[in-house]
């Protein structure tokens, strides 16, 4: 995506200016804030009309006034921004802290110190996903990943035109992945997605379903990546 509008919320001036400089060199428009409350005020301003035109948020977690976790949660609840990608960039790097950020609504999570080239690659990936999401499609209930196709209306899956027999839980997990390609999904998020009535689903159950799904996908099993200590994701298409 060219000429994207990106909000950077980072209180370390040197880091903020470095990120801004590279984003601007790529032709993007940058709106930078070093204070959490000022960022929230901008997002809410004018009934969210400006924030509704934002294509990506890059958030630090530890900020003055309002922390990045609260901003992330608000972005996900605020109607003009609830579908906008969020990249969390922070020094908090334990698996538990990463899971907290993803569960709060972040689409991706990078820890400091970071490689600028990798950060820009993550930015490009999130902006591509946003561009695809905003592109009109003939049938948005058909999800594709190369020669893998999932029909949400019929609840059926095909690989290279051949039907794939999945359990309901395996189908739901695959559907969840294909709806958010490239996004890391924690086990908690997958549990919430496939939970059905009184049936109790645990983290270990999710791992069992993923194992079964990979086995049935055969050569396509590599599209599901394990993010150690956090969860899983389906590799985004280039």
Protein backbone atom coordinates (compact mmCIF):
# COMPACT_ATOMS: atom_id res chain seq x y z
CA UNK A 1 0.00 0.00 0.00
CA UNK A 2 1.38 3.41 -1.00
CA UNK A 3 0.76 6.72 0.78
CA UNK A 4 -0.60 4.98 3.88
CA UNK A 5 -1.54 6.93 6.99
CA UNK A 6 0.40 5.60 9.99
CA UNK A 7 0.10 6.63 13.65
CA UNK A 8 3.27 6.15 15.72
CA UNK A 9 2.85 6.32 19.51
CA UNK A 10 6.34 6.22 21.01
CA UNK A 11 7.76 8.33 23.86
CA UNK A 12 11.45 7.68 23.08
CA UNK A 13 12.19 10.55 20.72
CA UNK A 14 15.16 8.93 18.98
CA UNK A 15 13.20 5.75 18.19
CA UNK A 16 10.13 7.72 17.13
CA UNK A 17 12.10 9.94 14.75
CA UNK A 18 13.92 6.93 13.24
CA UNK A 19 10.63 5.13 12.54
CA UNK A 20 9.03 8.29 11.19
CA UNK A 21 11.97 8.95 8.88
CA UNK A 22 11.83 5.51 7.30
CA UNK A 23 8.05 5.54 6.93
CA UNK A 24 8.16 8.95 5.24
CA UNK A 25 10.96 7.78 2.93
CA UNK A 26 8.55 5.05 1.77
CA UNK A 27 5.95 7.69 0.94
CA UNK A 28 3.71 7.21 3.97
CA UNK A 29 2.04 9.95 6.01
CA UNK A 30 2.99 9.79 9.69
CA UNK A 31 1.19 11.15 12.76
CA UNK A 32 3.44 10.84 15.82
CA UNK A 33 2.63 11.12 19.52
CA UNK A 34 4.85 10.74 22.58
CA UNK A 35 2.02 10.75 25.10
CA UNK A 36 -0.75 8.16 25.43
CA UNK A 37 -3.50 10.65 26.28
CA UNK A 38 -2.67 12.85 23.29
CA UNK A 39 -2.85 9.82 21.03
CA UNK A 40 -6.24 8.83 22.47
CA UNK A 41 -7.51 12.40 22.07
CA UNK A 42 -6.49 12.30 18.40
CA UNK A 43 -8.19 8.94 17.83
CA UNK A 44 -11.43 10.13 19.43
CA UNK A 45 -11.33 13.62 17.92
CA UNK A 46 -14.05 14.73 15.52
CA UNK A 47 -15.97 11.51 16.19
CA UNK A 48 -13.05 9.45 14.91
CA UNK A 49 -13.22 10.81 11.36
CA UNK A 50 -9.45 11.34 11.11
CA UNK A 51 -8.62 8.09 12.88
CA UNK A 52 -10.99 6.22 10.56
CA UNK A 53 -8.58 7.05 7.72
CA UNK A 54 -5.58 5.54 9.51
CA UNK A 55 -4.15 2.37 7.93
CA UNK A 56 -1.78 1.26 10.74
CA UNK A 57 -1.02 1.99 14.40
CA UNK A 58 2.47 1.40 15.85
CA UNK A 59 2.21 1.43 19.66
CA UNK A 60 4.70 1.36 22.48
CA UNK A 61 3.35 -0.22 25.69
CA UNK A 62 4.99 1.97 28.33
CA UNK A 63 3.78 5.53 27.69
CA UNK A 64 3.08 8.66 29.74
CA UNK A 65 -0.55 9.29 30.80
CA UNK A 66 -2.19 6.24 29.14
CA UNK A 67 -0.31 3.01 28.41
CA UNK A 68 -0.26 1.26 25.06
CA UNK A 69 -2.38 -1.66 26.25
CA UNK A 70 -5.28 0.65 27.05
CA UNK A 71 -4.90 2.43 23.71
CA UNK A 72 -4.84 -0.93 21.92
CA UNK A 73 -8.03 -2.07 23.66
CA UNK A 74 -9.75 1.23 22.84
CA UNK A 75 -8.78 1.02 19.15
CA UNK A 76 -10.39 -2.44 19.01
CA UNK A 77 -13.61 -1.19 20.65
CA UNK A 78 -13.89 2.15 18.76
CA UNK A 79 -15.96 1.63 15.63
CA UNK A 80 -13.89 3.79 13.20
CA UNK A 81 -10.67 1.93 14.12
CA UNK A 82 -11.72 -1.55 15.26
CA UNK A 83 -10.45 -3.16 12.04
CA UNK A 84 -7.21 -1.16 11.71
CA UNK A 85 -3.97 -3.17 12.13
CA UNK A 86 -1.93 -2.61 15.28
CA UNK A 87 1.79 -3.32 15.62
CA UNK A 88 2.95 -3.26 19.24
CA UNK A 89 6.60 -2.25 19.69
CA UNK A 90 7.92 -2.55 23.24
CA UNK A 91 10.76 -3.60 25.55
CA UNK A 92 8.40 -5.98 27.38
CA UNK A 93 9.45 -9.28 25.85
CA UNK A 94 8.37 -12.28 27.94
CA UNK A 95 5.96 -14.78 26.31
CA UNK A 96 3.31 -13.77 28.87
CA UNK A 97 3.65 -10.08 27.98
CA UNK A 98 3.51 -10.85 24.26
CA UNK A 99 0.35 -12.92 24.79
CA UNK A 100 -1.17 -10.02 26.77
CA UNK A 101 -0.52 -7.65 23.88
CA UNK A 102 -1.96 -9.99 21.27
CA UNK A 103 -5.00 -10.75 23.44
CA UNK A 104 -5.55 -6.99 23.84
CA UNK A 105 -5.96 -6.77 20.06
CA UNK A 106 -2.49 -6.26 18.56
CA UNK A 107 -1.99 -7.88 15.15
CA UNK A 108 1.75 -8.17 15.57
CA UNK A 109 4.28 -7.68 18.39
CA UNK A 110 7.94 -6.69 18.17
CA UNK A 111 10.35 -6.29 21.05
CA UNK A 112 13.10 -3.73 21.58
CA UNK A 113 15.87 -3.59 20.56
CA UNK A 114 14.64 -4.31 17.04
CA UNK A 115 16.02 -4.55 13.54
CA UNK A 116 14.66 -1.67 11.47
CA UNK A 117 14.54 -3.73 8.27
CA UNK A 118 12.42 -6.38 10.02
CA UNK A 119 10.14 -3.68 11.44
CA UNK A 120 9.58 -2.23 7.97
CA UNK A 121 8.89 -5.73 6.61
CA UNK A 122 6.24 -6.20 9.32
CA UNK A 123 4.77 -2.80 8.42
CA UNK A 124 4.58 -3.78 4.73
CA UNK A 125 2.90 -7.08 5.63
CA UNK A 126 0.23 -5.39 7.77
CA UNK A 127 -0.43 -2.73 5.13
CA UNK A 128 -0.80 -5.41 2.44
CA UNK A 129 -3.39 -7.18 4.57
CA UNK A 130 -5.26 -3.91 5.06
CA UNK A 131 -5.21 -3.24 1.31
CA UNK A 132 -6.55 -6.73 0.54
CA UNK A 133 -9.26 -6.31 3.17
CA UNK A 134 -10.38 -3.02 1.58
CA UNK A 135 -10.35 -4.43 -1.97
CA UNK A 136 -13.83 -5.42 -3.21
CA UNK A 137 -14.17 -9.16 -3.70
CA UNK A 138 -16.72 -11.16 -5.66
CA UNK A 139 -17.50 -13.35 -2.67
CA UNK A 140 -16.02 -12.48 0.71
CA UNK A 141 -17.25 -15.80 2.08
CA UNK A 142 -14.68 -17.61 -0.06
CA UNK A 143 -11.27 -17.66 1.67
CA UNK A 144 -8.18 -18.69 -0.30
CA UNK A 145 -4.54 -19.45 0.39
CA UNK A 146 -2.84 -20.45 -2.86
CA UNK A 147 -4.66 -23.66 -3.93
CA UNK A 148 -6.45 -24.02 -0.58
CA UNK A 149 -10.07 -22.76 -0.67
CA UNK A 150 -12.59 -22.50 2.16
CA UNK A 151 -16.28 -21.75 1.51
CA UNK A 152 -17.83 -20.22 4.64
CA UNK A 153 -21.36 -20.60 3.25
CA UNK A 154 -21.05 -24.33 2.66
CA UNK A 155 -18.52 -24.97 5.48
CA UNK A 156 -16.36 -26.91 3.00
CA UNK A 157 -12.64 -26.94 2.24
CA UNK A 158 -10.74 -27.96 -0.90
CA UNK A 159 -7.04 -28.39 -1.72
CA UNK A 160 -6.21 -28.25 -5.42
CA UNK A 161 -9.88 -28.93 -6.12
CA UNK A 162 -10.06 -32.02 -3.89
CA UNK A 163 -12.44 -31.91 -0.88
CA UNK A 164 -10.85 -32.03 2.56
CA UNK A 165 -12.70 -33.74 5.40
CA UNK A 166 -12.27 -31.79 8.65
CA UNK A 167 -13.86 -31.98 12.08
CA UNK A 168 -15.92 -28.95 13.13
CA UNK A 169 -13.14 -27.71 15.42
CA UNK A 170 -10.49 -28.15 12.72
CA UNK A 171 -12.69 -26.26 10.25
CA UNK A 172 -13.23 -23.41 12.73
CA UNK A 173 -9.51 -23.11 13.44
CA UNK A 174 -8.65 -23.05 9.73
CA UNK A 175 -11.36 -20.46 9.13
CA UNK A 176 -9.98 -18.32 11.96
CA UNK A 177 -6.49 -18.49 10.45
CA UNK A 178 -7.61 -17.64 6.92
CA UNK A 179 -9.65 -14.67 8.15
CA UNK A 180 -6.46 -13.19 9.66
CA UNK A 181 -3.50 -14.32 7.51
CA UNK A 182 -0.16 -13.39 9.04
CA UNK A 183 -1.68 -12.57 12.42
CA UNK A 184 -0.40 -14.44 15.46
CA UNK A 185 -3.35 -16.03 17.27
CA UNK A 186 -2.86 -17.03 20.88
CA UNK A 187 -4.26 -20.29 22.19
CA UNK A 188 -6.74 -18.24 24.25
CA UNK A 189 -8.04 -16.54 21.12
CA UNK A 190 -8.45 -19.87 19.33
CA UNK A 191 -10.23 -21.33 22.37
CA UNK A 192 -12.73 -18.44 22.30
CA UNK A 193 -13.28 -18.90 18.55
CA UNK A 194 -14.09 -22.60 18.61
CA UNK A 195 -15.78 -22.76 22.04
CA UNK A 196 -19.29 -24.14 21.54
CA UNK A 197 -21.88 -24.26 24.31
CA UNK A 198 -21.02 -26.45 27.30
CA UNK A 199 -18.06 -28.12 25.56
CA UNK A 200 -14.89 -27.17 27.46
CA UNK A 201 -11.89 -26.36 25.29
CA UNK A 202 -8.38 -26.02 26.75
CA UNK A 203 -4.99 -24.88 25.44
CA UNK A 204 -3.92 -28.52 25.17
CA UNK A 205 -7.06 -29.31 23.17
CA UNK A 206 -6.10 -26.56 20.70
CA UNK A 207 -2.68 -28.15 20.20
CA UNK A 208 -4.37 -31.50 19.50
CA UNK A 209 -6.69 -29.93 16.91
CA UNK A 210 -3.73 -28.16 15.24
CA UNK A 211 -1.87 -31.48 15.06
CA UNK A 212 -4.88 -33.14 13.39
CA UNK A 213 -5.39 -30.22 11.00
CA UNK A 214 -1.74 -30.24 9.92
CA UNK A 215 -1.89 -33.98 9.27
CA UNK A 216 -4.92 -33.57 7.00
CA UNK A 217 -3.39 -30.58 5.18
CA UNK A 218 -0.46 -32.77 4.13
CA UNK A 219 1.97 -30.76 1.99
CA UNK A 220 0.06 -27.60 2.96
CA UNK A 221 0.69 -28.11 6.68
CA UNK A 222 3.68 -25.74 6.49
CA UNK A 223 1.31 -22.76 6.12
CA UNK A 224 0.58 -23.08 9.88
CA UNK A 225 3.51 -21.72 11.89
CA UNK A 226 4.03 -22.39 15.59
CA UNK A 227 5.00 -19.26 17.54
CA UNK A 228 6.72 -20.82 20.52
CA UNK A 229 5.11 -20.08 23.88
CA UNK A 230 2.43 -17.90 22.27
CA UNK A 231 0.26 -19.63 19.66
CA UNK A 232 0.01 -20.07 15.89
CA UNK A 233 -0.48 -18.22 12.63
CA UNK A 234 -0.99 -18.92 8.94
CA UNK A 235 1.78 -17.50 6.79
CA UNK A 236 0.57 -14.43 4.89
CA UNK A 237 0.72 -14.71 1.10
CA UNK A 238 3.25 -12.52 -0.69
